[in-house]
Amino acid sequence: MKLKKLKFVDTKRYRSGVDMDIKTQLLTVALKSGQKPDDGLIAKSVWDAGYEAVEWYSVEGGKVKAHLYPKFKK
C-alpha cells in the first residue's frame, strides 16, 4: 500500500502527504490532526517501495526520541 493511501496521512501537505530528502533518505510523513500513525503500516509501505524503514522519531518532553521499526523479510 502506498503511504498516501493510509487513512492517517494528510495528503494536502508536502507531495501527497510525504516528503523525502533524497540526500539523507529521511522521509517525513504528514499526519492528519488528531490521528495516530500506524507504525507497522508505515514500515510495510516503505518496505514495499523498495526502502527499509529503520527509525521513526517523536518529540517527547521537548526532546527528540528515536524508535526502531520492525524488520521485514524479503
PDB file of N, CA and C in Angstrom:
ATOM      1  N   MET A   1       0.849  -1.185   0.000  1.00  0.00           N
ATOM      2  CA  MET A   1       0.000   0.000   0.000  1.00  0.00           C
ATOM      3  C   MET A   1       0.890   1.244   0.000  1.00  0.00           C
ATOM      4  N   LYS A   2       0.506   2.236  -0.750  1.00  0.00           N
ATOM      5  CA  LYS A   2       1.260   3.479  -0.790  1.00  0.00           C
ATOM      6  C   LYS A   2       0.954   4.312   0.448  1.00  0.00           C
ATOM      7  N   LEU A   3       1.950   5.045   0.927  1.00  0.00           N
ATOM      8  CA  LEU A   3       1.786   5.868   2.123  1.00  0.00           C
ATOM      9  C   LEU A   3       0.618   6.831   1.995  1.00  0.00           C
ATOM     10  N   LYS A   4       0.465   7.463   0.841  1.00  0.00           N
ATOM     11  CA  LYS A   4      -0.591   8.460   0.686  1.00  0.00           C
ATOM     12  C   LYS A   4      -1.994   7.867   0.812  1.00  0.00           C
ATOM     13  N   LYS A   5      -2.125   6.558   0.732  1.00  0.00           N
ATOM     14  CA  LYS A   5      -3.434   5.913   0.846  1.00  0.00           C
ATOM     15  C   LYS A   5      -3.784   5.541   2.289  1.00  0.00           C
ATOM     16  N   LEU A   6      -2.839   5.712   3.214  1.00  0.00           N
ATOM     17  CA  LEU A   6      -3.116   5.393   4.615  1.00  0.00           C
ATOM     18  C   LEU A   6      -4.023   6.471   5.205  1.00  0.00           C
ATOM     19  N   LYS A   7      -5.028   6.062   5.979  1.00  0.00           N
ATOM     20  CA  LYS A   7      -6.074   6.982   6.439  1.00  0.00           C
ATOM     21  C   LYS A   7      -5.572   8.117   7.333  1.00  0.00           C
ATOM     22  N   PHE A   8      -4.448   7.967   7.967  1.00  0.00           N
ATOM     23  CA  PHE A   8      -3.940   8.995   8.870  1.00  0.00           C
ATOM     24  C   PHE A   8      -2.971   9.977   8.200  1.00  0.00           C
ATOM     25  N   VAL A   9      -2.679   9.787   6.913  1.00  0.00           N
ATOM     26  CA  VAL A   9      -1.744  10.663   6.188  1.00  0.00           C
ATOM     27  C   VAL A   9      -2.502  11.857   5.611  1.00  0.00           C
ATOM     28  N   ASP A  10      -1.978  13.059   5.875  1.00  0.00           N
ATOM     29  CA  ASP A  10      -2.561  14.304   5.373  1.00  0.00           C
ATOM     30  C   ASP A  10      -2.007  14.573   3.972  1.00  0.00           C
ATOM     31  N   THR A  11      -2.750  14.173   2.959  1.00  0.00           N
ATOM     32  CA  THR A  11      -2.282  14.277   1.577  1.00  0.00           C
ATOM     33  C   THR A  11      -2.290  15.709   1.043  1.00  0.00           C
ATOM     34  N   LYS A  12      -2.800  16.656   1.814  1.00  0.00           N
ATOM     35  CA  LYS A  12      -2.811  18.065   1.393  1.00  0.00           C
ATOM     36  C   LYS A  12      -1.468  18.741   1.677  1.00  0.00           C
ATOM     37  N   ARG A  13      -0.620  18.072   2.415  1.00  0.00           N
ATOM     38  CA  ARG A  13       0.694  18.628   2.750  1.00  0.00           C
ATOM     39  C   ARG A  13       1.778  17.890   1.967  1.00  0.00           C
ATOM     40  N   TYR A  14       2.896  18.561   1.761  1.00  0.00           N
ATOM     41  CA  TYR A  14       4.032  18.001   1.019  1.00  0.00           C
ATOM     42  C   TYR A  14       3.570  17.532  -0.356  1.00  0.00           C
ATOM     43  N   ARG A  15       4.109  16.428  -0.804  1.00  0.00           N
ATOM     44  CA  ARG A  15       3.676  15.804  -2.059  1.00  0.00           C
ATOM     45  C   ARG A  15       2.840  14.591  -1.708  1.00  0.00           C
ATOM     46  N   SER A  16       1.560  14.781  -1.702  1.00  0.00           N
ATOM     47  CA  SER A  16       0.615  13.712  -1.328  1.00  0.00           C
ATOM     48  C   SER A  16       0.880  13.192   0.081  1.00  0.00           C
ATOM     49  N   GLY A  17       1.286  14.092   0.986  1.00  0.00           N
ATOM     50  CA  GLY A  17       1.463  13.732   2.390  1.00  0.00           C
ATOM     51  C   GLY A  17       2.839  13.225   2.756  1.00  0.00           C
ATOM     52  N   VAL A  18       3.760  13.189   1.782  1.00  0.00           N
ATOM     53  CA  VAL A  18       5.085  12.627   2.032  1.00  0.00           C
ATOM     54  C   VAL A  18       6.163  13.541   1.457  1.00  0.00           C
ATOM     55  N   ASP A  19       7.238  13.717   2.211  1.00  0.00           N
ATOM     56  CA  ASP A  19       8.388  14.472   1.730  1.00  0.00           C
ATOM     57  C   ASP A  19       9.633  13.638   2.007  1.00  0.00           C
ATOM     58  N   MET A  20      10.516  13.518   1.015  1.00  0.00           N
ATOM     59  CA  MET A  20      11.733  12.738   1.204  1.00  0.00           C
ATOM     60  C   MET A  20      12.941  13.556   0.807  1.00  0.00           C
ATOM     61  N   ASP A  21      13.924  13.605   1.697  1.00  0.00           N
ATOM     62  CA  ASP A  21      15.206  14.230   1.402  1.00  0.00           C
ATOM     63  C   ASP A  21      16.048  13.158   0.712  1.00  0.00           C
ATOM     64  N   ILE A  22      16.286  13.331  -0.574  1.00  0.00           N
ATOM     65  CA  ILE A  22      16.996  12.324  -1.365  1.00  0.00           C
ATOM     66  C   ILE A  22      18.406  12.081  -0.830  1.00  0.00           C
ATOM     67  N   LYS A  23      19.061  13.152  -0.394  1.00  0.00           N
ATOM     68  CA  LYS A  23      20.443  13.039   0.073  1.00  0.00           C
ATOM     69  C   LYS A  23      20.559  12.169   1.332  1.00  0.00           C
ATOM     70  N   THR A  24      19.676  12.401   2.298  1.00  0.00           N
ATOM     71  CA  THR A  24      19.751  11.659   3.565  1.00  0.00           C
ATOM     72  C   THR A  24      18.768  10.495   3.624  1.00  0.00           C
ATOM     73  N   GLN A  25      17.846  10.420   2.661  1.00  0.00           N
ATOM     74  CA  GLN A  25      16.776   9.443   2.614  1.00  0.00           C
ATOM     75  C   GLN A  25      15.892   9.497   3.860  1.00  0.00           C
ATOM     76  N   LEU A  26      15.754  10.716   4.402  1.00  0.00           N
ATOM     77  CA  LEU A  26      14.863  10.933   5.540  1.00  0.00           C
ATOM     78  C   LEU A  26      13.470  11.222   4.997  1.00  0.00           C
ATOM     79  N   LEU A  27      12.515  10.427   5.396  1.00  0.00           N
ATOM     80  CA  LEU A  27      11.147  10.530   4.931  1.00  0.00           C
ATOM     81  C   LEU A  27      10.313  11.205   6.010  1.00  0.00           C
ATOM     82  N   THR A  28       9.550  12.220   5.615  1.00  0.00           N
ATOM     83  CA  THR A  28       8.634  12.900   6.529  1.00  0.00           C
ATOM     84  C   THR A  28       7.217  12.608   6.064  1.00  0.00           C
ATOM     85  N   VAL A  29       6.392  12.123   6.983  1.00  0.00           N
ATOM     86  CA  VAL A  29       5.008  11.800   6.668  1.00  0.00           C
ATOM     87  C   VAL A  29       4.112  12.781   7.421  1.00  0.00           C
ATOM     88  N   ALA A  30       3.265  13.508   6.677  1.00  0.00           N
ATOM     89  CA  ALA A  30       2.331  14.463   7.286  1.00  0.00           C
ATOM     90  C   ALA A  30       1.139  13.704   7.856  1.00  0.00           C
ATOM     91  N   LEU A  31       0.815  13.987   9.106  1.00  0.00           N
ATOM     92  CA  LEU A  31      -0.314  13.321   9.756  1.00  0.00           C
ATOM     93  C   LEU A  31      -1.514  14.250   9.848  1.00  0.00           C
ATOM     94  N   LYS A  32      -2.695  13.684   9.693  1.00  0.00           N
ATOM     95  CA  LYS A  32      -3.915  14.453   9.892  1.00  0.00           C
ATOM     96  C   LYS A  32      -4.023  14.809  11.365  1.00  0.00           C
ATOM     97  N   SER A  33      -4.580  15.979  11.631  1.00  0.00           N
ATOM     98  CA  SER A  33      -4.752  16.444  13.008  1.00  0.00           C
ATOM     99  C   SER A  33      -5.564  15.442  13.821  1.00  0.00           C
ATOM    100  N   GLY A  34      -5.037  15.077  14.982  1.00  0.00           N
ATOM    101  CA  GLY A  34      -5.734  14.158  15.873  1.00  0.00           C
ATOM    102  C   GLY A  34      -5.613  12.693  15.515  1.00  0.00           C
ATOM    103  N   GLN A  35      -4.885  12.365  14.460  1.00  0.00           N
ATOM    104  CA  GLN A  35      -4.730  10.971  14.029  1.00  0.00           C
ATOM    105  C   GLN A  35      -3.449  10.367  14.573  1.00  0.00           C
ATOM    106  N   LYS A  36      -3.514   9.124  14.969  1.00  0.00           N
ATOM    107  CA  LYS A  36      -2.319   8.388  15.388  1.00  0.00           C
ATOM    108  C   LYS A  36      -1.828   7.561  14.208  1.00  0.00           C
ATOM    109  N   PRO A  37      -0.524   7.596  13.953  1.00  0.00           N
ATOM    110  CA  PRO A  37       0.007   6.782  12.855  1.00  0.00           C
ATOM    111  C   PRO A  37       0.086   5.307  13.238  1.00  0.00           C
ATOM    112  N   ASP A  38       0.006   4.455  12.265  1.00  0.00           N
ATOM    113  CA  ASP A  38       0.208   3.021  12.460  1.00  0.00           C
ATOM    114  C   ASP A  38       1.626   2.730  11.975  1.00  0.00           C
ATOM    115  N   ASP A  39       2.548   2.593  12.917  1.00  0.00           N
ATOM    116  CA  ASP A  39       3.965   2.413  12.586  1.00  0.00           C
ATOM    117  C   ASP A  39       4.211   1.189  11.718  1.00  0.00           C
ATOM    118  N   GLY A  40       3.486   0.129  11.968  1.00  0.00           N
ATOM    119  CA  GLY A  40       3.646  -1.085  11.175  1.00  0.00           C
ATOM    120  C   GLY A  40       3.248  -0.879   9.722  1.00  0.00           C
ATOM    121  N   LEU A  41       2.143  -0.151   9.493  1.00  0.00           N
ATOM    122  CA  LEU A  41       1.706   0.121   8.123  1.00  0.00           C
ATOM    123  C   LEU A  41       2.688   1.037   7.399  1.00  0.00           C
ATOM    124  N   ILE A  42       3.246   2.012   8.126  1.00  0.00           N
ATOM    125  CA  ILE A  42       4.242   2.895   7.519  1.00  0.00           C
ATOM    126  C   ILE A  42       5.465   2.086   7.116  1.00  0.00           C
ATOM    127  N   ALA A  43       5.965   1.264   8.023  1.00  0.00           N
ATOM    128  CA  ALA A  43       7.154   0.456   7.733  1.00  0.00           C
ATOM    129  C   ALA A  43       6.906  -0.477   6.552  1.00  0.00           C
ATOM    130  N   LYS A  44       5.735  -1.099   6.502  1.00  0.00           N
ATOM    131  CA  LYS A  44       5.398  -2.007   5.398  1.00  0.00           C
ATOM    132  C   LYS A  44       5.328  -1.254   4.073  1.00  0.00           C
ATOM    133  N   SER A  45       4.731  -0.069   4.076  1.00  0.00           N
ATOM    134  CA  SER A  45       4.623   0.735   2.858  1.00  0.00           C
ATOM    135  C   SER A  45       5.999   1.155   2.355  1.00  0.00           C
ATOM    136  N   VAL A  46       6.873   1.532   3.266  1.00  0.00           N
ATOM    137  CA  VAL A  46       8.239   1.923   2.900  1.00  0.00           C
ATOM    138  C   VAL A  46       8.975   0.718   2.331  1.00  0.00           C
ATOM    139  N   TRP A  47       8.832  -0.442   2.977  1.00  0.00           N
ATOM    140  CA  TRP A  47       9.472  -1.682   2.511  1.00  0.00           C
ATOM    141  C   TRP A  47       8.972  -2.048   1.110  1.00  0.00           C
ATOM    142  N   ASP A  48       7.659  -1.946   0.898  1.00  0.00           N
ATOM    143  CA  ASP A  48       7.068  -2.274  -0.407  1.00  0.00           C
ATOM    144  C   ASP A  48       7.575  -1.341  -1.511  1.00  0.00           C
ATOM    145  N   ALA A  49       7.981  -0.125  -1.128  1.00  0.00           N
ATOM    146  CA  ALA A  49       8.510   0.846  -2.098  1.00  0.00           C
ATOM    147  C   ALA A  49       9.986   0.605  -2.401  1.00  0.00           C
ATOM    148  N   GLY A  50      10.586  -0.382  -1.728  1.00  0.00           N
ATOM    149  CA  GLY A  50      11.978  -0.713  -2.003  1.00  0.00           C
ATOM    150  C   GLY A  50      12.988  -0.109  -1.040  1.00  0.00           C
ATOM    151  N   TYR A  51      12.502   0.422   0.068  1.00  0.00           N
ATOM    152  CA  TYR A  51      13.387   1.005   1.075  1.00  0.00           C
ATOM    153  C   TYR A  51      13.240   0.224   2.377  1.00  0.00           C
ATOM    154  N   GLU A  52      14.107   0.514   3.321  1.00  0.00           N
ATOM    155  CA  GLU A  52      13.999  -0.106   4.638  1.00  0.00           C
ATOM    156  C   GLU A  52      13.783   0.983   5.674  1.00  0.00           C
ATOM    157  N   ALA A  53      12.657   0.907   6.380  1.00  0.00           N
ATOM    158  CA  ALA A  53      12.383   1.849   7.464  1.00  0.00           C
ATOM    159  C   ALA A  53      13.208   1.416   8.671  1.00  0.00           C
ATOM    160  N   VAL A  54      14.054   2.308   9.145  1.00  0.00           N
ATOM    161  CA  VAL A  54      14.954   1.959  10.242  1.00  0.00           C
ATOM    162  C   VAL A  54      14.470   2.551  11.561  1.00  0.00           C
ATOM    163  N   GLU A  55      14.202   3.845  11.585  1.00  0.00           N
ATOM    164  CA  GLU A  55      13.781   4.518  12.811  1.00  0.00           C
ATOM    165  C   GLU A  55      12.690   5.525  12.503  1.00  0.00           C
ATOM    166  N   TRP A  56      11.881   5.810  13.509  1.00  0.00           N
ATOM    167  CA  TRP A  56      10.953   6.927  13.451  1.00  0.00           C
ATOM    168  C   TRP A  56      11.218   7.783  14.667  1.00  0.00           C
ATOM    169  N   TYR A  57      10.849   9.036  14.576  1.00  0.00           N
ATOM    170  CA  TYR A  57      11.194   9.992  15.625  1.00  0.00           C
ATOM    171  C   TYR A  57       9.949  10.662  16.174  1.00  0.00           C
ATOM    172  N   SER A  58      10.011  10.978  17.459  1.00  0.00           N
ATOM    173  CA  SER A  58       8.944  11.728  18.113  1.00  0.00           C
ATOM    174  C   SER A  58       9.591  12.779  19.003  1.00  0.00           C
ATOM    175  N   VAL A  59       8.817  13.778  19.357  1.00  0.00           N
ATOM    176  CA  VAL A  59       9.286  14.798  20.299  1.00  0.00           C
ATOM    177  C   VAL A  59       8.549  14.549  21.600  1.00  0.00           C
ATOM    178  N   GLU A  60       9.309  14.240  22.648  1.00  0.00           N
ATOM    179  CA  GLU A  60       8.736  13.933  23.955  1.00  0.00           C
ATOM    180  C   GLU A  60       9.442  14.771  25.002  1.00  0.00           C
ATOM    181  N   GLY A  61       8.668  15.588  25.699  1.00  0.00           N
ATOM    182  CA  GLY A  61       9.260  16.439  26.726  1.00  0.00           C
ATOM    183  C   GLY A  61      10.275  17.421  26.148  1.00  0.00           C
ATOM    184  N   GLY A  62      10.035  17.853  24.916  1.00  0.00           N
ATOM    185  CA  GLY A  62      10.938  18.804  24.282  1.00  0.00           C
ATOM    186  C   GLY A  62      12.210  18.189  23.708  1.00  0.00           C
ATOM    187  N   LYS A  63      12.311  16.871  23.740  1.00  0.00           N
ATOM    188  CA  LYS A  63      13.493  16.186  23.208  1.00  0.00           C
ATOM    189  C   LYS A  63      13.091  15.209  22.106  1.00  0.00           C
ATOM    190  N   VAL A  64      13.958  15.062  21.110  1.00  0.00           N
ATOM    191  CA  VAL A  64      13.713  14.119  20.026  1.00  0.00           C
ATOM    192  C   VAL A  64      14.093  12.717  20.485  1.00  0.00           C
ATOM    193  N   LYS A  65      13.191  11.772  20.281  1.00  0.00           N
ATOM    194  CA  LYS A  65      13.429  10.386  20.691  1.00  0.00           C
ATOM    195  C   LYS A  65      13.326   9.489  19.458  1.00  0.00           C
ATOM    196  N   ALA A  66      14.283   8.582  19.284  1.00  0.00           N
ATOM    197  CA  ALA A  66      14.291   7.634  18.162  1.00  0.00           C
ATOM    198  C   ALA A  66      13.654   6.316  18.597  1.00  0.00           C
ATOM    199  N   HIS A  67      12.901   5.710  17.682  1.00  0.00           N
ATOM    200  CA  HIS A  67      12.232   4.430  17.916  1.00  0.00           C
ATOM    201  C   HIS A  67      12.561   3.522  16.732  1.00  0.00           C
ATOM    202  N   LEU A  68      12.806   2.257  16.973  1.00  0.00           N
ATOM    203  CA  LEU A  68      13.130   1.321  15.893  1.00  0.00           C
ATOM    204  C   LEU A  68      11.863   0.763  15.246  1.00  0.00           C
ATOM    205  N   TYR A  69      11.916   0.604  13.927  1.00  0.00           N
ATOM    206  CA  TYR A  69      10.844  -0.048  13.185  1.00  0.00           C
ATOM    207  C   TYR A  69      11.097  -1.547  13.173  1.00  0.00           C
ATOM    208  N   PRO A  70      10.040  -2.339  12.990  1.00  0.00           N
ATOM    209  CA  PRO A  70      10.233  -3.786  12.864  1.00  0.00           C
ATOM    210  C   PRO A  70      10.924  -4.113  11.542  1.00  0.00           C
ATOM    211  N   LYS A  71      11.637  -5.222  11.501  1.00  0.00           N
ATOM    212  CA  LYS A  71      12.309  -5.683  10.274  1.00  0.00           C
ATOM    213  C   LYS A  71      11.349  -6.529   9.467  1.00  0.00           C
ATOM    214  N   PHE A  72      11.396  -6.390   8.151  1.00  0.00           N
ATOM    215  CA  PHE A  72      10.578  -7.214   7.261  1.00  0.00           C
ATOM    216  C   PHE A  72      11.515  -8.117   6.480  1.00  0.00           C
ATOM    217  N   LYS A  73      11.071  -9.312   6.211  1.00  0.00           N
ATOM    218  CA  LYS A  73      11.882 -10.264   5.449  1.00  0.00           C
ATOM    219  C   LYS A  73      11.481 -10.216   3.980  1.00  0.00           C
ATOM    220  N   LYS A  74      12.455 -10.452   3.114  1.00  0.00           N
ATOM    221  CA  LYS A  74      12.201 -10.456   1.666  1.00  0.00           C
ATOM    222  C   LYS A  74      11.379 -11.662   1.275  1.00  0.00           C
TER     223      LYS A  74
END
